[in-house]
Amino acid sequence: MTEAHLDGSGGIPRVSTSDILQRLEAERGAGSTRAGALAFDADGTLWEGDVGFDLFEAFLAGRRARPEAEAALRREAEAFGVAAEGGAHELASALHAAFVAERYPEDRAFAMMAWAFAGWREDELAALVDRVLEEKDHAARIRPALLPILDWARSRGVPVYVVSASPRFVIERAVARLGVAPERIAAMTPAVREGRLAPELGAPATYGEGKTRALERLFPELAVLAAFGDSAYDAALLRTARLPVAVAPSPKLLAVAGSIPGLVLLAT
């Protein structure tokens, strides 16, 4: 274990995958009567890049927004002073541009990127997700340093949970190849009515503190052995863990690192 300075991460201890595995064995044997688990953010943590953004950009490029989303998108644009003329596609594009320009809050933008698919059937959306994951070579973007940790959890019977601010329908398919079951995923989840997505969330938002609340709903008796994240809005999740691990941390996460006791930086 060494101190990380050269990459702008200040004095956060840098650790290897082997260090993490040793710590996990120690934490698992610490004698807690509560069931232990690992909790991961998805985008930027389990893999490089953001599959939610990949999907939404493909959605915009194909002008795939449907009339069912228009009224809700217009309300969202008006609420945040985002000007746009036209229908659902123009509104979704304008909101995305406002998000990129930091004029539209992250929590609202991430939720919108899930429910903007209103009018889609789940089966046709699954086909688009699979195509985007294939085109973006998602399998090659999974971080090798985390694979032994996932293998360790599988061999010890330690459950793995994924808590993401991206749309559930893309996260489910992205983590399936890592062996994470749908019932252990929390993400932005649109409501579904009569077999089609609705223009609103059907479950609480999974952003910031919402990530920890989502994890508690999935497993109320959970003790988090280790949590892994890359963004400032993962900070609350990281604070729940005995071993909080930053993976390729963003500058905003590094800025709040001092508020996360015991934070370490995984060498990737």
Protein backbone atom coordinates (compact mmCIF):
# COMPACT_ATOMS: atom_id res chain seq x y z
CA MET A 1 0.00 0.00 0.00
CA THR A 2 1.44 3.39 -0.97
CA GLU A 3 0.35 7.00 -0.81
CA ALA A 4 -1.11 8.32 -4.10
CA HIS A 5 0.17 11.77 -5.03
CA LEU A 6 1.31 11.86 -8.65
CA ASP A 7 -2.16 11.50 -10.16
CA GLY A 8 -3.79 14.32 -8.22
CA SER A 9 -5.34 12.04 -5.62
CA GLY A 10 -3.53 13.62 -2.71
CA GLY A 11 -2.81 11.41 0.28
CA ILE A 12 -5.38 8.67 -0.39
CA PRO A 13 -3.65 5.32 0.16
CA ARG A 14 -3.23 3.47 -3.12
CA VAL A 15 -3.90 -0.27 -2.90
CA SER A 16 -3.69 -3.25 -5.23
CA THR A 17 -6.33 -5.86 -5.94
CA SER A 18 -4.37 -8.24 -3.67
CA ASP A 19 -4.49 -5.66 -0.86
CA ILE A 20 -8.26 -5.41 -1.26
CA LEU A 21 -8.67 -9.20 -1.13
CA GLN A 22 -6.61 -9.40 2.06
CA ARG A 23 -8.69 -6.65 3.63
CA LEU A 24 -11.92 -8.35 2.59
CA GLU A 25 -10.86 -11.60 4.21
CA ALA A 26 -10.03 -9.71 7.39
CA GLU A 27 -13.30 -7.77 7.39
CA ARG A 28 -15.31 -10.93 6.69
CA GLY A 29 -13.73 -12.59 9.70
CA ALA A 30 -14.30 -9.62 11.99
CA GLY A 31 -17.26 -11.32 13.67
CA SER A 32 -20.23 -9.20 12.60
CA THR A 33 -23.58 -10.95 13.08
CA ARG A 34 -25.00 -9.12 10.05
CA ALA A 35 -24.73 -10.54 6.56
CA GLY A 36 -21.97 -8.91 4.56
CA ALA A 37 -21.96 -7.84 0.91
CA LEU A 38 -20.06 -5.85 -1.67
CA ALA A 39 -21.65 -2.80 -3.29
CA PHE A 40 -20.53 -1.37 -6.62
CA ASP A 41 -21.37 1.67 -8.66
CA ALA A 42 -21.50 0.70 -12.34
CA ASP A 43 -20.42 3.35 -14.87
CA GLY A 44 -16.83 4.47 -14.44
CA THR A 45 -16.35 1.89 -11.69
CA LEU A 46 -17.04 -1.63 -12.93
CA TRP A 47 -16.12 -0.48 -16.43
CA GLU A 48 -14.66 2.48 -18.22
CA GLY A 49 -17.17 4.96 -19.63
CA ASP A 50 -20.91 5.26 -19.10
CA VAL A 51 -23.37 2.86 -20.70
CA GLY A 52 -26.27 5.14 -19.75
CA PHE A 53 -24.76 7.96 -21.80
CA ASP A 54 -23.93 5.57 -24.62
CA LEU A 55 -27.55 4.47 -24.80
CA PHE A 56 -29.03 7.96 -24.55
CA GLU A 57 -26.72 9.30 -27.25
CA ALA A 58 -27.81 6.45 -29.55
CA PHE A 59 -31.41 7.29 -28.63
CA LEU A 60 -30.89 10.90 -29.70
CA ALA A 61 -28.87 10.05 -32.80
CA GLY A 62 -31.71 7.84 -34.04
CA ARG A 63 -34.40 10.39 -33.14
CA ARG A 64 -36.08 7.67 -31.09
CA ALA A 65 -38.05 9.81 -28.60
CA ARG A 66 -41.77 9.08 -28.87
CA PRO A 67 -44.87 11.26 -28.40
CA GLU A 68 -45.62 9.56 -25.07
CA ALA A 69 -42.62 11.37 -23.56
CA GLU A 70 -43.32 14.83 -24.96
CA ALA A 71 -45.49 16.34 -22.22
CA ALA A 72 -43.18 15.21 -19.41
CA LEU A 73 -40.08 16.39 -21.30
CA ARG A 74 -41.71 19.77 -21.87
CA ARG A 75 -42.53 20.13 -18.16
CA GLU A 76 -38.94 19.25 -17.30
CA ALA A 77 -37.55 21.78 -19.79
CA GLU A 78 -39.83 24.53 -18.51
CA ALA A 79 -38.95 23.77 -14.88
CA PHE A 80 -35.25 24.32 -15.57
CA GLY A 81 -35.48 27.12 -18.13
CA VAL A 82 -34.37 24.96 -21.05
CA ALA A 83 -35.65 26.41 -24.30
CA ALA A 84 -36.61 24.09 -27.15
CA GLU A 85 -38.97 24.17 -30.09
CA GLY A 86 -40.48 21.04 -31.52
CA GLY A 87 -41.52 17.68 -30.12
CA ALA A 88 -40.11 14.95 -27.92
CA HIS A 89 -36.82 14.59 -29.79
CA GLU A 90 -36.03 18.31 -29.68
CA LEU A 91 -36.91 18.52 -26.00
CA ALA A 92 -34.79 15.49 -25.08
CA SER A 93 -31.89 16.90 -27.11
CA ALA A 94 -32.16 20.30 -25.44
CA LEU A 95 -32.23 18.76 -21.95
CA HIS A 96 -29.20 16.65 -22.78
CA ALA A 97 -27.33 19.72 -24.05
CA ALA A 98 -28.25 21.61 -20.87
CA PHE A 99 -26.94 18.73 -18.77
CA VAL A 100 -23.63 18.70 -20.67
CA ALA A 101 -23.39 22.48 -20.11
CA GLU A 102 -24.09 21.95 -16.36
CA ARG A 103 -27.38 23.88 -16.56
CA TYR A 104 -29.54 20.86 -15.74
CA PRO A 105 -28.94 19.00 -12.44
CA GLU A 106 -27.38 15.56 -12.58
CA ASP A 107 -30.04 13.84 -10.49
CA ARG A 108 -32.87 15.10 -12.72
CA ALA A 109 -30.91 14.44 -15.91
CA PHE A 110 -30.12 10.85 -14.99
CA ALA A 111 -33.77 10.18 -14.13
CA MET A 112 -34.89 11.80 -17.39
CA MET A 113 -32.53 9.59 -19.38
CA ALA A 114 -34.48 6.61 -18.07
CA TRP A 115 -38.09 7.77 -18.44
CA ALA A 116 -37.50 9.58 -21.78
CA PHE A 117 -37.95 6.13 -23.37
CA ALA A 118 -41.68 6.41 -22.62
CA GLY A 119 -43.75 4.52 -25.16
CA TRP A 120 -41.14 1.82 -25.73
CA ARG A 121 -41.85 -1.84 -25.05
CA GLU A 122 -39.30 -3.56 -22.84
CA ASP A 123 -38.43 -6.13 -25.50
CA GLU A 124 -37.65 -3.56 -28.20
CA LEU A 125 -35.62 -1.52 -25.73
CA ALA A 126 -33.62 -4.64 -24.82
CA ALA A 127 -32.72 -5.04 -28.50
CA LEU A 128 -31.42 -1.45 -28.67
CA VAL A 129 -29.45 -1.90 -25.44
CA ASP A 130 -27.78 -5.06 -26.74
CA ARG A 131 -26.84 -3.33 -29.98
CA VAL A 132 -25.32 -0.34 -28.18
CA LEU A 133 -23.34 -2.54 -25.77
CA GLU A 134 -21.99 -4.50 -28.70
CA GLU A 135 -21.11 -1.41 -30.77
CA LYS A 136 -19.36 0.20 -27.80
CA ASP A 137 -17.43 -3.02 -27.07
CA HIS A 138 -18.66 -3.02 -23.51
CA ALA A 139 -17.01 -6.33 -22.63
CA ALA A 140 -13.56 -4.88 -23.34
CA ARG A 141 -14.22 -1.91 -21.04
CA ILE A 142 -14.75 -3.97 -17.86
CA ARG A 143 -11.96 -3.20 -15.39
CA PRO A 144 -9.66 -6.24 -15.01
CA ALA A 145 -8.60 -5.20 -11.51
CA LEU A 146 -12.13 -5.82 -10.23
CA LEU A 147 -12.60 -9.30 -11.69
CA PRO A 148 -10.65 -11.12 -8.93
CA ILE A 149 -12.75 -9.26 -6.35
CA LEU A 150 -15.96 -10.43 -8.00
CA ASP A 151 -14.52 -13.96 -8.17
CA TRP A 152 -13.67 -13.79 -4.47
CA ALA A 153 -17.24 -12.78 -3.61
CA ARG A 154 -18.65 -15.61 -5.72
CA SER A 155 -16.36 -18.21 -4.14
CA ARG A 156 -17.18 -17.05 -0.60
CA GLY A 157 -20.91 -16.72 -1.15
CA VAL A 158 -20.73 -12.96 -0.52
CA PRO A 159 -23.55 -11.19 -2.39
CA VAL A 160 -22.69 -8.45 -4.86
CA TYR A 161 -25.02 -5.49 -5.34
CA VAL A 162 -24.83 -2.86 -8.08
CA VAL A 163 -26.32 0.57 -7.42
CA SER A 164 -26.32 2.93 -10.39
CA ALA A 165 -27.81 6.25 -11.50
CA SER A 166 -28.09 4.94 -15.06
CA PRO A 167 -31.28 3.37 -16.44
CA ARG A 168 -31.98 -0.05 -14.98
CA PHE A 169 -32.69 -1.56 -18.39
CA VAL A 170 -29.10 -0.97 -19.56
CA ILE A 171 -27.41 -1.76 -16.24
CA GLU A 172 -29.16 -5.14 -15.94
CA ARG A 173 -27.83 -6.27 -19.30
CA ALA A 174 -24.38 -4.73 -18.77
CA VAL A 175 -23.77 -6.53 -15.45
CA ALA A 176 -25.32 -9.84 -16.49
CA ARG A 177 -21.97 -10.96 -17.91
CA LEU A 178 -20.46 -10.31 -14.46
CA GLY A 179 -22.92 -12.67 -12.82
CA VAL A 180 -24.99 -10.06 -10.97
CA ALA A 181 -28.64 -11.08 -10.74
CA PRO A 182 -31.40 -8.53 -11.49
CA GLU A 183 -32.72 -8.69 -7.92
CA ARG A 184 -29.37 -7.32 -6.73
CA ILE A 185 -29.49 -4.22 -8.92
CA ALA A 186 -30.83 -0.77 -8.07
CA ALA A 187 -30.91 1.85 -10.81
CA MET A 188 -33.15 4.50 -12.38
CA THR A 189 -36.34 2.55 -13.12
CA PRO A 190 -39.18 3.96 -15.23
CA ALA A 191 -42.75 3.00 -14.46
CA VAL A 192 -44.32 0.49 -16.87
CA ARG A 193 -47.99 0.64 -17.84
CA GLU A 194 -49.72 -1.82 -20.15
CA GLY A 195 -46.39 -3.20 -21.30
CA ARG A 196 -44.80 0.15 -22.19
CA LEU A 197 -42.49 2.49 -20.33
CA ALA A 198 -44.15 5.55 -18.78
CA PRO A 199 -42.67 9.08 -18.60
CA GLU A 200 -41.86 8.91 -14.89
CA LEU A 201 -39.86 6.83 -12.46
CA GLY A 202 -41.53 3.81 -10.93
CA ALA A 203 -39.08 3.66 -7.99
CA PRO A 204 -37.11 6.27 -6.01
CA ALA A 205 -34.15 7.85 -7.75
CA THR A 206 -30.76 6.19 -7.22
CA TYR A 207 -28.54 9.24 -6.90
CA GLY A 208 -26.44 10.36 -3.93
CA GLU A 209 -28.15 9.39 -0.68
CA GLY A 210 -30.74 7.64 -2.84
CA LYS A 211 -28.12 4.98 -3.55
CA THR A 212 -27.80 4.03 0.11
CA ARG A 213 -31.57 4.01 0.58
CA ALA A 214 -31.95 1.77 -2.46
CA LEU A 215 -29.38 -0.65 -1.09
CA GLU A 216 -31.15 -0.74 2.27
CA ARG A 217 -34.44 -1.56 0.53
CA LEU A 218 -32.82 -4.44 -1.34
CA PHE A 219 -31.34 -5.97 1.80
CA PRO A 220 -32.35 -4.32 5.11
CA GLU A 221 -29.95 -6.45 7.18
CA LEU A 222 -27.01 -5.61 4.97
CA ALA A 223 -23.55 -4.84 6.30
CA VAL A 224 -21.38 -3.47 3.50
CA LEU A 225 -17.94 -5.08 3.62
CA ALA A 226 -16.67 -2.89 0.79
CA ALA A 227 -18.12 -0.33 -1.59
CA PHE A 228 -16.61 0.82 -4.87
CA GLY A 229 -17.31 4.10 -6.68
CA ASP A 230 -15.83 6.79 -8.89
CA SER A 231 -18.09 9.85 -8.51
CA ALA A 232 -18.97 12.39 -5.84
CA TYR A 233 -22.52 11.07 -5.85
CA ASP A 234 -21.08 7.70 -4.78
CA ALA A 235 -19.72 9.27 -1.59
CA ALA A 236 -22.76 8.36 0.52
CA LEU A 237 -22.55 4.75 -0.66
CA LEU A 238 -18.83 4.63 0.09
CA ARG A 239 -19.41 5.90 3.63
CA THR A 240 -21.62 2.88 4.39
CA ALA A 241 -18.73 0.45 3.90
CA ARG A 242 -16.09 -0.90 6.23
CA LEU A 243 -13.74 -0.59 3.27
CA PRO A 244 -14.58 2.27 0.87
CA VAL A 245 -12.69 2.03 -2.42
CA ALA A 246 -12.32 4.76 -5.03
CA VAL A 247 -11.92 3.42 -8.57
CA ALA A 248 -10.56 5.88 -11.17
CA PRO A 249 -12.04 8.70 -9.04
CA SER A 250 -13.37 11.87 -10.60
CA PRO A 251 -12.02 15.24 -9.42
CA LYS A 252 -15.32 15.83 -7.60
CA LEU A 253 -14.93 12.61 -5.62
CA LEU A 254 -11.35 13.50 -4.78
CA ALA A 255 -12.60 16.87 -3.52
CA VAL A 256 -14.81 15.15 -0.91
CA ALA A 257 -12.42 12.28 -0.15
CA GLY A 258 -11.69 13.68 3.30
CA SER A 259 -15.34 13.12 4.27
CA ILE A 260 -15.08 9.35 3.60
CA PRO A 261 -13.26 7.68 6.52
CA GLY A 262 -10.81 4.99 5.45
CA LEU A 263 -11.07 5.68 1.72
CA VAL A 264 -8.48 3.89 -0.40
CA LEU A 265 -7.68 4.17 -4.10
CA LEU A 266 -7.59 0.98 -6.18
CA ALA A 267 -4.68 0.86 -8.60
CA THR A 268 -6.25 0.00 -11.97
